[in-house]
Amino acid sequence: MKTKIETTFSRLKLKDDILREARVAKIPAGFAEKIADEVSRNIEKWLDNRPVVTKKSFDLAVIRELKKYHPDLAYIFENRNFMI
């Protein structure tokens, strides 16, 4: 039997996650801050239309948004759990 797990979206947490990965990519702090603000704002709007979202679809939406601003950061974010 599958268990239902509910979580609440936190724009601040998403922003922090993006900024952490931006430091890995050595993106200048000011530029990283702008990217994180834009992406987290766009994801928040994207979520407004969706009552239920899977983790996979959420991650793909974040990656799609990141690609608009910094493809390398999108790649790092997408593979963050696989890198050594």
C-alpha atoms as a PDB file:
ATOM      1  CA  MET A   1       0.000   0.000   0.000  1.00  0.00           C
ATOM      2  CA  LYS A   2       1.350   3.410  -0.968  1.00  0.00           C
ATOM      3  CA  THR A   3       1.520   6.127   1.633  1.00  0.00           C
ATOM      4  CA  LYS A   4       0.391   9.628   0.785  1.00  0.00           C
ATOM      5  CA  ILE A   5       3.002  12.230   1.652  1.00  0.00           C
ATOM      6  CA  GLU A   6       2.003  15.863   1.685  1.00  0.00           C
ATOM      7  CA  THR A   7       4.456  18.711   1.652  1.00  0.00           C
ATOM      8  CA  THR A   8       4.045  22.433   1.391  1.00  0.00           C
ATOM      9  CA  PHE A   9       5.921  24.467  -1.167  1.00  0.00           C
ATOM     10  CA  SER A  10       8.466  26.827   0.307  1.00  0.00           C
ATOM     11  CA  ARG A  11       9.733  29.475  -2.061  1.00  0.00           C
ATOM     12  CA  LEU A  12      12.540  30.228   0.395  1.00  0.00           C
ATOM     13  CA  LYS A  13      13.653  26.578   0.506  1.00  0.00           C
ATOM     14  CA  LEU A  14      13.689  26.337  -3.285  1.00  0.00           C
ATOM     15  CA  LYS A  15      15.667  29.566  -3.465  1.00  0.00           C
ATOM     16  CA  ASP A  16      18.168  28.234  -0.921  1.00  0.00           C
ATOM     17  CA  ASP A  17      18.514  24.966  -2.887  1.00  0.00           C
ATOM     18  CA  ILE A  18      19.211  26.881  -6.087  1.00  0.00           C
ATOM     19  CA  LEU A  19      21.732  29.159  -4.362  1.00  0.00           C
ATOM     20  CA  ARG A  20      23.550  26.157  -2.876  1.00  0.00           C
ATOM     21  CA  GLU A  21      23.915  24.582  -6.324  1.00  0.00           C
ATOM     22  CA  ALA A  22      24.922  27.958  -7.796  1.00  0.00           C
ATOM     23  CA  ARG A  23      27.845  28.072  -5.361  1.00  0.00           C
ATOM     24  CA  VAL A  24      28.925  24.657  -6.664  1.00  0.00           C
ATOM     25  CA  ALA A  25      28.837  26.084 -10.201  1.00  0.00           C
ATOM     26  CA  LYS A  26      30.823  29.131  -8.997  1.00  0.00           C
ATOM     27  CA  ILE A  27      28.142  31.527 -10.247  1.00  0.00           C
ATOM     28  CA  PRO A  28      28.618  35.071  -8.879  1.00  0.00           C
ATOM     29  CA  ALA A  29      26.383  35.684  -5.843  1.00  0.00           C
ATOM     30  CA  GLY A  30      24.411  38.571  -7.326  1.00  0.00           C
ATOM     31  CA  PHE A  31      23.633  36.705 -10.538  1.00  0.00           C
ATOM     32  CA  ALA A  32      22.745  33.546  -8.588  1.00  0.00           C
ATOM     33  CA  GLU A  33      20.379  35.565  -6.388  1.00  0.00           C
ATOM     34  CA  LYS A  34      18.563  36.916  -9.454  1.00  0.00           C
ATOM     35  CA  ILE A  35      18.261  33.450 -10.970  1.00  0.00           C
ATOM     36  CA  ALA A  36      16.973  31.978  -7.703  1.00  0.00           C
ATOM     37  CA  ASP A  37      14.414  34.785  -7.299  1.00  0.00           C
ATOM     38  CA  GLU A  38      13.087  34.434 -10.841  1.00  0.00           C
ATOM     39  CA  VAL A  39      12.936  30.647 -10.832  1.00  0.00           C
ATOM     40  CA  SER A  40      11.298  30.402  -7.406  1.00  0.00           C
ATOM     41  CA  ARG A  41       8.740  33.082  -8.385  1.00  0.00           C
ATOM     42  CA  ASN A  42       7.949  31.293 -11.669  1.00  0.00           C
ATOM     43  CA  ILE A  43       7.595  27.930  -9.932  1.00  0.00           C
ATOM     44  CA  GLU A  44       5.254  29.446  -7.370  1.00  0.00           C
ATOM     45  CA  LYS A  45       3.056  30.717 -10.248  1.00  0.00           C
ATOM     46  CA  TRP A  46       3.282  27.317 -11.950  1.00  0.00           C
ATOM     47  CA  LEU A  47       2.062  25.616  -8.770  1.00  0.00           C
ATOM     48  CA  ASP A  48      -0.977  27.921  -8.462  1.00  0.00           C
ATOM     49  CA  ASN A  49      -2.781  25.991 -11.216  1.00  0.00           C
ATOM     50  CA  ARG A  50      -2.021  22.554  -9.833  1.00  0.00           C
ATOM     51  CA  PRO A  51      -3.739  21.020  -6.808  1.00  0.00           C
ATOM     52  CA  VAL A  52      -1.387  17.998  -6.815  1.00  0.00           C
ATOM     53  CA  VAL A  53       2.180  17.778  -8.062  1.00  0.00           C
ATOM     54  CA  THR A  54       4.610  14.875  -8.003  1.00  0.00           C
ATOM     55  CA  LYS A  55       8.208  15.394  -6.958  1.00  0.00           C
ATOM     56  CA  LYS A  56       9.299  14.382 -10.449  1.00  0.00           C
ATOM     57  CA  SER A  57       7.105  16.960 -12.193  1.00  0.00           C
ATOM     58  CA  PHE A  58       8.180  19.621  -9.682  1.00  0.00           C
ATOM     59  CA  ASP A  59      11.865  18.869 -10.291  1.00  0.00           C
ATOM     60  CA  LEU A  60      11.362  18.910 -14.062  1.00  0.00           C
ATOM     61  CA  ALA A  61       9.608  22.291 -13.851  1.00  0.00           C
ATOM     62  CA  VAL A  62      12.475  23.723 -11.790  1.00  0.00           C
ATOM     63  CA  ILE A  63      15.037  22.359 -14.248  1.00  0.00           C
ATOM     64  CA  ARG A  64      13.086  23.763 -17.196  1.00  0.00           C
ATOM     65  CA  GLU A  65      13.040  27.198 -15.533  1.00  0.00           C
ATOM     66  CA  LEU A  66      16.737  27.044 -14.651  1.00  0.00           C
ATOM     67  CA  LYS A  67      17.620  26.236 -18.274  1.00  0.00           C
ATOM     68  CA  LYS A  68      16.158  29.598 -19.292  1.00  0.00           C
ATOM     69  CA  TYR A  69      18.705  31.438 -17.151  1.00  0.00           C
ATOM     70  CA  HIS A  70      21.734  29.165 -16.813  1.00  0.00           C
ATOM     71  CA  PRO A  71      21.916  25.754 -18.547  1.00  0.00           C
ATOM     72  CA  ASP A  72      24.946  24.648 -16.520  1.00  0.00           C
ATOM     73  CA  LEU A  73      23.137  25.348 -13.267  1.00  0.00           C
ATOM     74  CA  ALA A  74      20.134  23.397 -14.564  1.00  0.00           C
ATOM     75  CA  TYR A  75      22.415  20.442 -15.292  1.00  0.00           C
ATOM     76  CA  ILE A  76      23.975  20.586 -11.824  1.00  0.00           C
ATOM     77  CA  PHE A  77      20.544  20.891 -10.186  1.00  0.00           C
ATOM     78  CA  GLU A  78      19.222  17.962 -12.211  1.00  0.00           C
ATOM     79  CA  ASN A  79      22.143  15.725 -11.249  1.00  0.00           C
ATOM     80  CA  ARG A  80      22.781  16.972  -7.716  1.00  0.00           C
ATOM     81  CA  ASN A  81      22.037  13.600  -6.133  1.00  0.00           C
ATOM     82  CA  PHE A  82      24.324  11.718  -8.521  1.00  0.00           C
ATOM     83  CA  MET A  83      27.488  13.787  -8.337  1.00  0.00           C
ATOM     84  CA  ILE A  84      30.437  12.844  -6.167  1.00  0.00           C
END
